[in-house]
Amino acid sequence: MKTSTNEYSNLEEIWHAITHGFGLLLSVSALTMLCVFAGQSGDGLKIASALVFGIALILMYGASTLYHAILAPNIKAILRQLDHCAIYILIAGTYTPITLLGIKGVWGWALFGTAWGVALFGIILKIFYPRRFHRLSLVLYTLLGWMVVVAIKPLMESLDVLSLSLLVAGGMVYTVGILFYLWEKLHLNHAIWHFFVLGGSVLHFFVVLLLILR
């Protein structure tokens, strides 16, 4: 994993900022839409889940956009940490509606607590050891994202076929994107990875929307 603050050319950073800047705009729209539908339901848990997921999207895409858009090394170093921390927040934020509105019960709350616990651990590592454990962080992102498979039975029982398909597809898109992230010799590999992140987020947005509407 690249760690310096000037590892990309200005042209690459423009692409990086544009791709996730677009994601930021979509995130604001997603938060608005989810909150409107959740508010109409009058269900406090749906409203809370919509807020957590939507805000997590905005934090992740906002942090990424700022990190790639700002070139000042000192500021960029801080924004890089925020960017990496926000990934944990988005993963845990995605688990929130899946576990509390979808799986529910003991399994739901257990996964909810575990997801946020692992995310907090990862964030602490990023804050106190910003230049260490980079590979570990990548492993944690991936394992945290797929941790839901331990509850595959209650997950399949609680989600309809469409929601489950979208959830798995989103996870696969995120995971395939990591391959491009690691393919550092490929021109614009990071921008390509950003498109995969966008795709995974869009698919998971529809999962959350379906959970709120049901």
N, C-alpha and C. Protein backbone atom coordinates (compact mmCIF):
# COMPACT_ATOMS: atom_id res chain seq x y z
N MET A 1 0.85 -1.20 0.00
CA MET A 1 0.00 0.00 0.00
C MET A 1 0.88 1.24 0.00
N LYS A 2 0.56 2.15 -0.89
CA LYS A 2 1.35 3.38 -0.95
C LYS A 2 1.08 4.22 0.29
N THR A 3 2.14 4.89 0.77
CA THR A 3 1.97 5.64 2.01
C THR A 3 2.40 7.10 1.92
N SER A 4 3.13 7.49 0.91
CA SER A 4 3.56 8.88 0.82
C SER A 4 2.42 9.76 0.40
N THR A 5 2.58 11.07 0.62
CA THR A 5 1.49 11.99 0.30
C THR A 5 1.58 12.53 -1.11
N ASN A 6 2.64 12.21 -1.85
CA ASN A 6 2.79 12.72 -3.21
C ASN A 6 3.04 11.58 -4.20
N GLU A 7 2.35 10.43 -3.99
CA GLU A 7 2.61 9.26 -4.81
C GLU A 7 1.95 9.34 -6.19
N TYR A 8 1.04 10.27 -6.38
CA TYR A 8 0.32 10.37 -7.64
C TYR A 8 0.64 11.69 -8.36
N SER A 9 0.51 11.66 -9.69
CA SER A 9 0.69 12.88 -10.46
C SER A 9 -0.54 13.78 -10.26
N ASN A 10 -0.41 15.04 -10.63
CA ASN A 10 -1.54 15.96 -10.50
C ASN A 10 -2.73 15.50 -11.34
N LEU A 11 -2.45 14.96 -12.54
CA LEU A 11 -3.53 14.47 -13.40
C LEU A 11 -4.27 13.31 -12.75
N GLU A 12 -3.50 12.41 -12.13
CA GLU A 12 -4.14 11.28 -11.44
C GLU A 12 -5.00 11.78 -10.29
N GLU A 13 -4.48 12.73 -9.53
CA GLU A 13 -5.24 13.24 -8.39
C GLU A 13 -6.52 13.94 -8.84
N ILE A 14 -6.47 14.57 -10.00
CA ILE A 14 -7.69 15.20 -10.54
C ILE A 14 -8.75 14.13 -10.78
N TRP A 15 -8.33 13.03 -11.40
CA TRP A 15 -9.27 11.93 -11.64
C TRP A 15 -9.80 11.35 -10.33
N HIS A 16 -8.91 11.20 -9.37
CA HIS A 16 -9.31 10.66 -8.07
C HIS A 16 -10.34 11.56 -7.39
N ALA A 17 -10.09 12.86 -7.43
CA ALA A 17 -11.00 13.81 -6.79
C ALA A 17 -12.34 13.87 -7.53
N ILE A 18 -12.31 13.81 -8.85
CA ILE A 18 -13.54 13.87 -9.63
C ILE A 18 -14.42 12.64 -9.38
N THR A 19 -13.80 11.46 -9.40
CA THR A 19 -14.59 10.23 -9.23
C THR A 19 -15.27 10.18 -7.88
N HIS A 20 -14.54 10.49 -6.83
CA HIS A 20 -15.17 10.43 -5.51
C HIS A 20 -15.91 11.71 -5.16
N GLY A 21 -15.62 12.79 -5.88
CA GLY A 21 -16.46 13.99 -5.74
C GLY A 21 -17.86 13.70 -6.25
N PHE A 22 -17.93 12.95 -7.35
CA PHE A 22 -19.22 12.50 -7.87
C PHE A 22 -19.90 11.59 -6.86
N GLY A 23 -19.10 10.74 -6.22
CA GLY A 23 -19.64 9.87 -5.17
C GLY A 23 -20.19 10.67 -4.00
N LEU A 24 -19.54 11.78 -3.68
CA LEU A 24 -20.02 12.65 -2.60
C LEU A 24 -21.39 13.23 -2.93
N LEU A 25 -21.56 13.67 -4.17
CA LEU A 25 -22.86 14.20 -4.59
C LEU A 25 -23.94 13.12 -4.50
N LEU A 26 -23.60 11.92 -4.95
CA LEU A 26 -24.55 10.81 -4.86
C LEU A 26 -24.88 10.49 -3.40
N SER A 27 -23.88 10.61 -2.53
CA SER A 27 -24.08 10.30 -1.11
C SER A 27 -25.05 11.26 -0.46
N VAL A 28 -24.94 12.54 -0.80
CA VAL A 28 -25.88 13.53 -0.26
C VAL A 28 -27.30 13.21 -0.72
N SER A 29 -27.43 12.84 -1.98
CA SER A 29 -28.75 12.46 -2.51
C SER A 29 -29.26 11.20 -1.82
N ALA A 30 -28.35 10.25 -1.59
CA ALA A 30 -28.74 9.00 -0.93
C ALA A 30 -29.23 9.25 0.48
N LEU A 31 -28.50 10.07 1.23
CA LEU A 31 -28.91 10.39 2.60
C LEU A 31 -30.28 11.04 2.60
N THR A 32 -30.49 11.98 1.71
CA THR A 32 -31.78 12.68 1.63
C THR A 32 -32.92 11.72 1.33
N MET A 33 -32.71 10.88 0.32
CA MET A 33 -33.76 9.94 -0.09
C MET A 33 -34.08 8.94 1.02
N LEU A 34 -33.05 8.37 1.61
CA LEU A 34 -33.26 7.38 2.66
C LEU A 34 -33.96 7.98 3.87
N CYS A 35 -33.58 9.19 4.24
CA CYS A 35 -34.20 9.84 5.40
C CYS A 35 -35.66 10.19 5.14
N VAL A 36 -35.97 10.57 3.90
CA VAL A 36 -37.36 10.88 3.55
C VAL A 36 -38.23 9.64 3.70
N PHE A 37 -37.79 8.53 3.12
CA PHE A 37 -38.57 7.29 3.19
C PHE A 37 -38.62 6.74 4.62
N ALA A 38 -37.49 6.83 5.33
CA ALA A 38 -37.47 6.36 6.71
C ALA A 38 -38.37 7.21 7.58
N GLY A 39 -38.36 8.52 7.34
CA GLY A 39 -39.22 9.43 8.10
C GLY A 39 -40.69 9.14 7.87
N GLN A 40 -41.05 8.81 6.64
CA GLN A 40 -42.43 8.50 6.31
C GLN A 40 -42.91 7.23 7.01
N SER A 41 -41.96 6.33 7.30
CA SER A 41 -42.33 5.09 7.98
C SER A 41 -42.63 5.31 9.45
N GLY A 42 -42.04 6.37 10.02
CA GLY A 42 -42.23 6.64 11.44
C GLY A 42 -41.48 5.69 12.35
N ASP A 43 -40.62 4.86 11.77
CA ASP A 43 -39.86 3.87 12.53
C ASP A 43 -38.51 4.47 12.94
N GLY A 44 -38.30 4.59 14.25
CA GLY A 44 -37.08 5.21 14.75
C GLY A 44 -35.82 4.47 14.33
N LEU A 45 -35.88 3.14 14.30
CA LEU A 45 -34.71 2.35 13.93
C LEU A 45 -34.37 2.54 12.45
N LYS A 46 -35.40 2.68 11.63
CA LYS A 46 -35.16 2.94 10.20
C LYS A 46 -34.55 4.32 10.00
N ILE A 47 -35.04 5.29 10.74
CA ILE A 47 -34.49 6.65 10.63
C ILE A 47 -33.03 6.67 11.06
N ALA A 48 -32.73 6.01 12.19
CA ALA A 48 -31.35 5.97 12.69
C ALA A 48 -30.44 5.26 11.70
N SER A 49 -30.91 4.15 11.14
CA SER A 49 -30.11 3.39 10.19
C SER A 49 -29.84 4.19 8.93
N ALA A 50 -30.87 4.91 8.46
CA ALA A 50 -30.71 5.75 7.27
C ALA A 50 -29.68 6.84 7.52
N LEU A 51 -29.74 7.45 8.69
CA LEU A 51 -28.79 8.51 9.04
C LEU A 51 -27.36 7.98 9.13
N VAL A 52 -27.19 6.85 9.80
CA VAL A 52 -25.85 6.29 9.97
C VAL A 52 -25.24 5.91 8.63
N PHE A 53 -26.00 5.21 7.80
CA PHE A 53 -25.48 4.79 6.50
C PHE A 53 -25.21 5.99 5.60
N GLY A 54 -26.15 6.92 5.55
CA GLY A 54 -25.98 8.09 4.69
C GLY A 54 -24.83 8.97 5.11
N ILE A 55 -24.70 9.21 6.41
CA ILE A 55 -23.59 10.03 6.91
C ILE A 55 -22.26 9.33 6.68
N ALA A 56 -22.24 8.00 6.84
CA ALA A 56 -21.01 7.25 6.59
C ALA A 56 -20.57 7.39 5.14
N LEU A 57 -21.53 7.35 4.22
CA LEU A 57 -21.21 7.55 2.80
C LEU A 57 -20.59 8.93 2.58
N ILE A 58 -21.22 9.94 3.16
CA ILE A 58 -20.74 11.32 2.98
C ILE A 58 -19.34 11.49 3.58
N LEU A 59 -19.11 10.91 4.74
CA LEU A 59 -17.79 11.01 5.38
C LEU A 59 -16.71 10.36 4.52
N MET A 60 -17.01 9.16 4.01
CA MET A 60 -16.01 8.44 3.23
C MET A 60 -15.69 9.15 1.92
N TYR A 61 -16.74 9.51 1.16
CA TYR A 61 -16.51 10.16 -0.12
C TYR A 61 -16.00 11.59 0.05
N GLY A 62 -16.45 12.25 1.11
CA GLY A 62 -15.96 13.60 1.38
C GLY A 62 -14.49 13.60 1.75
N ALA A 63 -14.10 12.67 2.63
CA ALA A 63 -12.70 12.58 3.05
C ALA A 63 -11.80 12.22 1.87
N SER A 64 -12.25 11.29 1.06
CA SER A 64 -11.47 10.87 -0.11
C SER A 64 -11.30 12.00 -1.11
N THR A 65 -12.39 12.72 -1.36
CA THR A 65 -12.33 13.84 -2.30
C THR A 65 -11.36 14.92 -1.83
N LEU A 66 -11.44 15.28 -0.56
CA LEU A 66 -10.53 16.29 -0.01
C LEU A 66 -9.08 15.81 -0.04
N TYR A 67 -8.88 14.56 0.32
CA TYR A 67 -7.52 14.01 0.34
C TYR A 67 -6.86 14.10 -1.03
N HIS A 68 -7.60 13.77 -2.07
CA HIS A 68 -7.03 13.78 -3.41
C HIS A 68 -7.01 15.18 -4.04
N ALA A 69 -7.88 16.06 -3.57
CA ALA A 69 -7.97 17.40 -4.17
C ALA A 69 -6.93 18.37 -3.61
N ILE A 70 -6.55 18.17 -2.36
CA ILE A 70 -5.61 19.10 -1.71
C ILE A 70 -4.18 18.57 -1.85
N LEU A 71 -3.28 19.43 -2.29
CA LEU A 71 -1.91 19.00 -2.58
C LEU A 71 -0.90 19.35 -1.49
N ALA A 72 -1.25 20.26 -0.58
CA ALA A 72 -0.32 20.66 0.49
C ALA A 72 0.06 19.43 1.33
N PRO A 73 1.35 19.05 1.38
CA PRO A 73 1.78 17.81 2.03
C PRO A 73 1.32 17.64 3.47
N ASN A 74 1.44 18.69 4.30
CA ASN A 74 1.07 18.56 5.71
C ASN A 74 -0.42 18.29 5.88
N ILE A 75 -1.22 19.03 5.13
CA ILE A 75 -2.67 18.84 5.20
C ILE A 75 -3.05 17.49 4.60
N LYS A 76 -2.39 17.14 3.52
CA LYS A 76 -2.69 15.89 2.82
C LYS A 76 -2.43 14.67 3.72
N ALA A 77 -1.38 14.75 4.54
CA ALA A 77 -1.06 13.65 5.44
C ALA A 77 -2.19 13.41 6.44
N ILE A 78 -2.76 14.50 6.95
CA ILE A 78 -3.88 14.39 7.90
C ILE A 78 -5.11 13.85 7.19
N LEU A 79 -5.36 14.36 5.99
CA LEU A 79 -6.53 13.92 5.23
C LEU A 79 -6.42 12.46 4.82
N ARG A 80 -5.20 11.98 4.61
CA ARG A 80 -5.01 10.57 4.28
C ARG A 80 -5.48 9.69 5.43
N GLN A 81 -5.12 10.09 6.66
CA GLN A 81 -5.57 9.34 7.83
C GLN A 81 -7.09 9.36 7.93
N LEU A 82 -7.68 10.53 7.72
CA LEU A 82 -9.13 10.65 7.77
C LEU A 82 -9.78 9.79 6.69
N ASP A 83 -9.18 9.79 5.51
CA ASP A 83 -9.68 8.98 4.40
C ASP A 83 -9.70 7.51 4.77
N HIS A 84 -8.61 7.02 5.33
CA HIS A 84 -8.52 5.61 5.68
C HIS A 84 -9.45 5.25 6.84
N CYS A 85 -9.59 6.16 7.79
CA CYS A 85 -10.52 5.93 8.91
C CYS A 85 -11.96 5.88 8.42
N ALA A 86 -12.27 6.72 7.45
CA ALA A 86 -13.63 6.80 6.94
C ALA A 86 -14.06 5.52 6.24
N ILE A 87 -13.09 4.76 5.74
CA ILE A 87 -13.43 3.47 5.11
C ILE A 87 -14.02 2.54 6.16
N TYR A 88 -13.40 2.51 7.35
CA TYR A 88 -13.94 1.69 8.44
C TYR A 88 -15.35 2.15 8.81
N ILE A 89 -15.54 3.46 8.84
CA ILE A 89 -16.86 4.00 9.20
C ILE A 89 -17.91 3.58 8.18
N LEU A 90 -17.55 3.60 6.89
CA LEU A 90 -18.52 3.21 5.87
C LEU A 90 -18.87 1.74 5.97
N ILE A 91 -17.87 0.89 6.21
CA ILE A 91 -18.16 -0.54 6.33
C ILE A 91 -19.09 -0.80 7.51
N ALA A 92 -18.77 -0.23 8.66
CA ALA A 92 -19.63 -0.40 9.84
C ALA A 92 -20.97 0.27 9.63
N GLY A 93 -20.97 1.41 8.94
CA GLY A 93 -22.21 2.11 8.65
C GLY A 93 -23.12 1.32 7.73
N THR A 94 -22.53 0.53 6.85
CA THR A 94 -23.31 -0.34 5.97
C THR A 94 -23.89 -1.51 6.75
N TYR A 95 -23.12 -2.01 7.71
CA TYR A 95 -23.61 -3.11 8.55
C TYR A 95 -24.81 -2.68 9.38
N THR A 96 -24.89 -1.40 9.73
CA THR A 96 -25.94 -0.94 10.64
C THR A 96 -27.35 -1.27 10.15
N PRO A 97 -27.76 -0.84 8.95
CA PRO A 97 -29.10 -1.21 8.49
C PRO A 97 -29.24 -2.70 8.17
N ILE A 98 -28.16 -3.32 7.68
CA ILE A 98 -28.22 -4.75 7.35
C ILE A 98 -28.51 -5.57 8.60
N THR A 99 -27.86 -5.23 9.70
CA THR A 99 -28.01 -6.01 10.93
C THR A 99 -29.25 -5.64 11.73
N LEU A 100 -29.55 -4.34 11.81
CA LEU A 100 -30.66 -3.90 12.66
C LEU A 100 -32.02 -3.96 11.97
N LEU A 101 -32.03 -3.76 10.66
CA LEU A 101 -33.30 -3.81 9.92
C LEU A 101 -33.49 -5.14 9.21
N GLY A 102 -32.37 -5.79 8.89
CA GLY A 102 -32.45 -7.05 8.15
C GLY A 102 -32.39 -8.26 9.05
N ILE A 103 -31.20 -8.57 9.55
CA ILE A 103 -31.02 -9.78 10.36
C ILE A 103 -31.76 -9.71 11.68
N LYS A 104 -31.61 -8.62 12.40
CA LYS A 104 -32.27 -8.37 13.69
C LYS A 104 -31.88 -9.42 14.74
N GLY A 105 -32.53 -9.37 15.87
CA GLY A 105 -32.32 -10.35 16.93
C GLY A 105 -30.90 -10.41 17.44
N VAL A 106 -30.56 -11.54 18.05
CA VAL A 106 -29.24 -11.73 18.65
C VAL A 106 -28.13 -11.64 17.60
N TRP A 107 -28.33 -12.31 16.47
CA TRP A 107 -27.33 -12.28 15.41
C TRP A 107 -27.13 -10.85 14.89
N GLY A 108 -28.21 -10.15 14.71
CA GLY A 108 -28.12 -8.79 14.20
C GLY A 108 -27.34 -7.87 15.12
N TRP A 109 -27.70 -7.88 16.39
CA TRP A 109 -27.02 -7.01 17.35
C TRP A 109 -25.57 -7.43 17.57
N ALA A 110 -25.31 -8.75 17.53
CA ALA A 110 -23.94 -9.23 17.70
C ALA A 110 -23.04 -8.76 16.55
N LEU A 111 -23.55 -8.87 15.33
CA LEU A 111 -22.78 -8.41 14.17
C LEU A 111 -22.62 -6.89 14.18
N PHE A 112 -23.67 -6.20 14.59
CA PHE A 112 -23.63 -4.74 14.69
C PHE A 112 -22.51 -4.30 15.63
N GLY A 113 -22.48 -4.90 16.82
CA GLY A 113 -21.46 -4.55 17.81
C GLY A 113 -20.06 -4.93 17.36
N THR A 114 -19.94 -6.11 16.74
CA THR A 114 -18.64 -6.57 16.27
C THR A 114 -18.10 -5.67 15.17
N ALA A 115 -18.98 -5.31 14.23
CA ALA A 115 -18.57 -4.46 13.11
C ALA A 115 -18.03 -3.12 13.60
N TRP A 116 -18.75 -2.49 14.50
CA TRP A 116 -18.30 -1.20 15.01
C TRP A 116 -17.07 -1.35 15.91
N GLY A 117 -16.97 -2.48 16.62
CA GLY A 117 -15.80 -2.73 17.46
C GLY A 117 -14.53 -2.88 16.62
N VAL A 118 -14.62 -3.67 15.55
CA VAL A 118 -13.47 -3.86 14.66
C VAL A 118 -13.13 -2.54 13.96
N ALA A 119 -14.16 -1.80 13.56
CA ALA A 119 -13.94 -0.51 12.91
C ALA A 119 -13.21 0.45 13.86
N LEU A 120 -13.62 0.47 15.12
CA LEU A 120 -12.96 1.33 16.11
C LEU A 120 -11.50 0.93 16.30
N PHE A 121 -11.26 -0.38 16.33
CA PHE A 121 -9.88 -0.88 16.46
C PHE A 121 -9.03 -0.42 15.27
N GLY A 122 -9.60 -0.54 14.07
CA GLY A 122 -8.88 -0.11 12.88
C GLY A 122 -8.61 1.38 12.86
N ILE A 123 -9.58 2.15 13.31
CA ILE A 123 -9.42 3.61 13.37
C ILE A 123 -8.32 4.00 14.35
N ILE A 124 -8.29 3.33 15.50
CA ILE A 124 -7.25 3.60 16.50
C ILE A 124 -5.86 3.31 15.92
N LEU A 125 -5.74 2.20 15.18
CA LEU A 125 -4.46 1.88 14.54
C LEU A 125 -4.05 2.99 13.58
N LYS A 126 -5.01 3.48 12.80
CA LYS A 126 -4.71 4.53 11.82
C LYS A 126 -4.30 5.84 12.49
N ILE A 127 -4.93 6.14 13.61
CA ILE A 127 -4.64 7.41 14.30
C ILE A 127 -3.28 7.38 14.99
N PHE A 128 -2.99 6.29 15.69
CA PHE A 128 -1.77 6.23 16.49
C PHE A 128 -0.57 5.64 15.74
N TYR A 129 -0.84 4.89 14.67
CA TYR A 129 0.25 4.31 13.88
C TYR A 129 -0.02 4.56 12.40
N PRO A 130 -0.02 5.83 11.99
CA PRO A 130 -0.41 6.19 10.62
C PRO A 130 0.47 5.61 9.53
N ARG A 131 1.72 5.31 9.83
CA ARG A 131 2.63 4.80 8.81
C ARG A 131 2.96 3.32 9.00
N ARG A 132 2.18 2.64 9.81
CA ARG A 132 2.41 1.21 10.04
C ARG A 132 1.11 0.44 9.82
N PHE A 133 1.23 -0.86 9.73
CA PHE A 133 0.09 -1.78 9.64
C PHE A 133 -0.80 -1.51 8.42
N HIS A 134 -0.19 -1.06 7.31
CA HIS A 134 -1.00 -0.74 6.13
C HIS A 134 -1.61 -2.01 5.51
N ARG A 135 -0.81 -3.07 5.41
CA ARG A 135 -1.33 -4.32 4.88
C ARG A 135 -2.38 -4.91 5.81
N LEU A 136 -2.15 -4.77 7.11
CA LEU A 136 -3.12 -5.25 8.08
C LEU A 136 -4.45 -4.52 7.90
N SER A 137 -4.39 -3.23 7.65
CA SER A 137 -5.61 -2.46 7.45
C SER A 137 -6.39 -2.97 6.24
N LEU A 138 -5.67 -3.28 5.16
CA LEU A 138 -6.33 -3.79 3.96
C LEU A 138 -7.00 -5.13 4.25
N VAL A 139 -6.32 -5.96 5.02
CA VAL A 139 -6.90 -7.25 5.41
C VAL A 139 -8.13 -7.03 6.29
N LEU A 140 -8.03 -6.08 7.23
CA LEU A 140 -9.16 -5.79 8.11
C LEU A 140 -10.36 -5.27 7.33
N TYR A 141 -10.12 -4.39 6.36
CA TYR A 141 -11.21 -3.90 5.52
C TYR A 141 -11.95 -5.06 4.87
N THR A 142 -11.17 -5.98 4.30
CA THR A 142 -11.76 -7.10 3.56
C THR A 142 -12.49 -8.07 4.49
N LEU A 143 -11.83 -8.44 5.58
CA LEU A 143 -12.45 -9.38 6.53
C LEU A 143 -13.69 -8.79 7.17
N LEU A 144 -13.62 -7.51 7.51
CA LEU A 144 -14.77 -6.85 8.11
C LEU A 144 -15.93 -6.81 7.13
N GLY A 145 -15.62 -6.55 5.87
CA GLY A 145 -16.66 -6.50 4.86
C GLY A 145 -17.37 -7.83 4.66
N TRP A 146 -16.62 -8.92 4.75
CA TRP A 146 -17.20 -10.25 4.51
C TRP A 146 -17.56 -10.98 5.80
N MET A 147 -17.41 -10.34 6.94
CA MET A 147 -17.72 -10.97 8.22
C MET A 147 -19.15 -11.48 8.28
N VAL A 148 -20.02 -10.87 7.50
CA VAL A 148 -21.44 -11.22 7.52
C VAL A 148 -21.69 -12.67 7.16
N VAL A 149 -20.73 -13.33 6.49
CA VAL A 149 -20.94 -14.72 6.08
C VAL A 149 -21.08 -15.65 7.29
N VAL A 150 -20.59 -15.23 8.46
CA VAL A 150 -20.74 -16.07 9.65
C VAL A 150 -22.21 -16.18 10.04
N ALA A 151 -23.01 -15.24 9.55
CA ALA A 151 -24.45 -15.26 9.84
C ALA A 151 -25.24 -15.51 8.56
N ILE A 152 -24.68 -16.35 7.68
CA ILE A 152 -25.30 -16.55 6.38
C ILE A 152 -26.71 -17.12 6.49
N LYS A 153 -26.95 -18.01 7.44
CA LYS A 153 -28.28 -18.60 7.58
C LYS A 153 -29.32 -17.55 7.98
N PRO A 154 -29.12 -16.82 9.10
CA PRO A 154 -30.10 -15.78 9.44
C PRO A 154 -30.17 -14.68 8.39
N LEU A 155 -29.07 -14.43 7.68
CA LEU A 155 -29.08 -13.42 6.62
C LEU A 155 -30.00 -13.86 5.49
N MET A 156 -29.88 -15.11 5.07
CA MET A 156 -30.71 -15.63 3.98
C MET A 156 -32.18 -15.71 4.38
N GLU A 157 -32.41 -15.93 5.66
CA GLU A 157 -33.78 -16.02 6.15
C GLU A 157 -34.44 -14.65 6.28
N SER A 158 -33.62 -13.60 6.43
CA SER A 158 -34.17 -12.27 6.69
C SER A 158 -34.25 -11.38 5.46
N LEU A 159 -33.46 -11.66 4.43
CA LEU A 159 -33.46 -10.83 3.22
C LEU A 159 -34.14 -11.56 2.07
N ASP A 160 -34.84 -10.80 1.23
CA ASP A 160 -35.41 -11.40 0.03
C ASP A 160 -34.30 -11.64 -0.98
N VAL A 161 -34.64 -12.35 -2.05
CA VAL A 161 -33.64 -12.73 -3.05
C VAL A 161 -32.95 -11.51 -3.67
N LEU A 162 -33.74 -10.48 -3.98
CA LEU A 162 -33.18 -9.29 -4.61
C LEU A 162 -32.20 -8.58 -3.68
N SER A 163 -32.60 -8.38 -2.43
CA SER A 163 -31.73 -7.70 -1.46
C SER A 163 -30.44 -8.48 -1.22
N LEU A 164 -30.58 -9.80 -1.08
CA LEU A 164 -29.41 -10.64 -0.85
C LEU A 164 -28.47 -10.61 -2.05
N SER A 165 -29.04 -10.64 -3.23
CA SER A 165 -28.24 -10.60 -4.46
C SER A 165 -27.48 -9.28 -4.58
N LEU A 166 -28.16 -8.19 -4.27
CA LEU A 166 -27.52 -6.87 -4.33
C LEU A 166 -26.42 -6.75 -3.28
N LEU A 167 -26.66 -7.32 -2.11
CA LEU A 167 -25.67 -7.27 -1.03
C LEU A 167 -24.40 -8.02 -1.43
N VAL A 168 -24.57 -9.23 -1.95
CA VAL A 168 -23.42 -10.04 -2.36
C VAL A 168 -22.71 -9.39 -3.54
N ALA A 169 -23.49 -8.89 -4.50
CA ALA A 169 -22.89 -8.24 -5.68
C ALA A 169 -22.06 -7.03 -5.26
N GLY A 170 -22.58 -6.24 -4.32
CA GLY A 170 -21.84 -5.09 -3.83
C GLY A 170 -20.53 -5.49 -3.18
N GLY A 171 -20.58 -6.55 -2.37
CA GLY A 171 -19.36 -7.04 -1.74
C GLY A 171 -18.34 -7.52 -2.75
N MET A 172 -18.82 -8.20 -3.80
CA MET A 172 -17.93 -8.68 -4.85
C MET A 172 -17.29 -7.53 -5.61
N VAL A 173 -18.08 -6.49 -5.89
CA VAL A 173 -17.55 -5.33 -6.62
C VAL A 173 -16.47 -4.64 -5.79
N TYR A 174 -16.74 -4.44 -4.50
CA TYR A 174 -15.73 -3.85 -3.62
C TYR A 174 -14.44 -4.69 -3.64
N THR A 175 -14.61 -6.01 -3.52
CA THR A 175 -13.46 -6.91 -3.42
C THR A 175 -12.64 -6.95 -4.71
N VAL A 176 -13.30 -7.03 -5.85
CA VAL A 176 -12.59 -7.02 -7.13
C VAL A 176 -11.84 -5.70 -7.29
N GLY A 177 -12.44 -4.62 -6.81
CA GLY A 177 -11.80 -3.32 -6.89
C GLY A 177 -10.46 -3.28 -6.18
N ILE A 178 -10.33 -4.05 -5.10
CA ILE A 178 -9.07 -4.08 -4.35
C ILE A 178 -7.92 -4.56 -5.24
N LEU A 179 -8.22 -5.47 -6.17
CA LEU A 179 -7.19 -5.97 -7.07
C LEU A 179 -6.60 -4.84 -7.90
N PHE A 180 -7.45 -3.92 -8.34
CA PHE A 180 -6.97 -2.77 -9.11
C PHE A 180 -6.21 -1.80 -8.20
N TYR A 181 -6.65 -1.68 -6.97
CA TYR A 181 -5.95 -0.84 -6.00
C TYR A 181 -4.51 -1.32 -5.81
N LEU A 182 -4.34 -2.64 -5.77
CA LEU A 182 -3.02 -3.22 -5.57
C LEU A 182 -2.18 -3.26 -6.84
N TRP A 183 -2.82 -3.12 -7.99
CA TRP A 183 -2.13 -3.20 -9.28
C TRP A 183 -1.49 -1.84 -9.58
N GLU A 184 -0.44 -1.51 -8.86
CA GLU A 184 0.13 -0.17 -8.90
C GLU A 184 0.80 0.19 -10.23
N LYS A 185 1.16 -0.81 -11.02
CA LYS A 185 1.80 -0.54 -12.31
C LYS A 185 0.79 -0.18 -13.40
N LEU A 186 -0.48 -0.40 -13.12
CA LEU A 186 -1.53 -0.07 -14.08
C LEU A 186 -1.82 1.43 -14.03
N HIS A 187 -1.81 2.07 -15.20
CA HIS A 187 -2.07 3.51 -15.25
C HIS A 187 -3.48 3.81 -14.75
N LEU A 188 -3.60 4.78 -13.88
CA LEU A 188 -4.88 5.20 -13.29
C LEU A 188 -5.56 4.07 -12.51
N ASN A 189 -4.74 3.17 -11.94
CA ASN A 189 -5.33 2.05 -11.19
C ASN A 189 -6.18 2.54 -10.02
N HIS A 190 -5.75 3.62 -9.38
CA HIS A 190 -6.49 4.13 -8.22
C HIS A 190 -7.84 4.70 -8.63
N ALA A 191 -7.87 5.37 -9.78
CA ALA A 191 -9.14 5.91 -10.28
C ALA A 191 -10.08 4.78 -10.66
N ILE A 192 -9.53 3.71 -11.25
CA ILE A 192 -10.35 2.54 -11.59
C ILE A 192 -10.93 1.94 -10.32
N TRP A 193 -10.09 1.85 -9.29
CA TRP A 193 -10.57 1.34 -8.01
C TRP A 193 -11.71 2.20 -7.47
N HIS A 194 -11.60 3.50 -7.64
CA HIS A 194 -12.66 4.40 -7.19
C HIS A 194 -14.00 4.07 -7.86
N PHE A 195 -13.97 3.71 -9.14
CA PHE A 195 -15.21 3.36 -9.83
C PHE A 195 -15.82 2.09 -9.24
N PHE A 196 -14.97 1.14 -8.85
CA PHE A 196 -15.48 -0.07 -8.21
C PHE A 196 -16.09 0.26 -6.85
N VAL A 197 -15.46 1.15 -6.10
CA VAL A 197 -16.01 1.58 -4.81
C VAL A 197 -17.38 2.23 -5.01
N LEU A 198 -17.49 3.07 -6.03
CA LEU A 198 -18.77 3.70 -6.35
C LEU A 198 -19.82 2.64 -6.66
N GLY A 199 -19.43 1.65 -7.46
CA GLY A 199 -20.37 0.59 -7.82
C GLY A 199 -20.85 -0.19 -6.62
N GLY A 200 -19.93 -0.53 -5.72
CA GLY A 200 -20.31 -1.25 -4.51
C GLY A 200 -21.24 -0.44 -3.63
N SER A 201 -20.97 0.85 -3.52
CA SER A 201 -21.81 1.73 -2.70
C SER A 201 -23.22 1.85 -3.27
N VAL A 202 -23.31 1.97 -4.58
CA VAL A 202 -24.63 2.08 -5.22
C VAL A 202 -25.45 0.82 -4.98
N LEU A 203 -24.83 -0.34 -5.15
CA LEU A 203 -25.53 -1.60 -4.93
C LEU A 203 -26.00 -1.73 -3.49
N HIS A 204 -25.16 -1.35 -2.55
CA HIS A 204 -25.54 -1.44 -1.13
C HIS A 204 -26.57 -0.38 -0.75
N PHE A 205 -26.55 0.75 -1.44
CA PHE A 205 -27.59 1.76 -1.22
C PHE A 205 -28.97 1.16 -1.50
N PHE A 206 -29.09 0.41 -2.58
CA PHE A 206 -30.38 -0.17 -2.93
C PHE A 206 -30.80 -1.24 -1.93
N VAL A 207 -29.83 -1.94 -1.34
CA VAL A 207 -30.16 -2.89 -0.28
C VAL A 207 -30.79 -2.16 0.90
N VAL A 208 -30.14 -1.08 1.31
CA VAL A 208 -30.65 -0.29 2.44
C VAL A 208 -32.01 0.31 2.11
N LEU A 209 -32.18 0.80 0.90
CA LEU A 209 -33.46 1.37 0.48
C LEU A 209 -34.57 0.33 0.56
N LEU A 210 -34.29 -0.88 0.09
CA LEU A 210 -35.29 -1.95 0.14
C LEU A 210 -35.64 -2.31 1.59
N LEU A 211 -34.64 -2.30 2.47
CA LEU A 211 -34.89 -2.60 3.88
C LEU A 211 -35.78 -1.53 4.52
N ILE A 212 -35.57 -0.29 4.14
CA ILE A 212 -36.37 0.80 4.70
C ILE A 212 -37.79 0.78 4.15
N LEU A 213 -37.95 0.40 2.90
CA LEU A 213 -39.27 0.41 2.26
C LEU A 213 -40.15 -0.77 2.66
N ARG A 214 -39.54 -1.84 3.14
CA ARG A 214 -40.36 -3.03 3.41
C ARG A 214 -41.15 -2.88 4.71
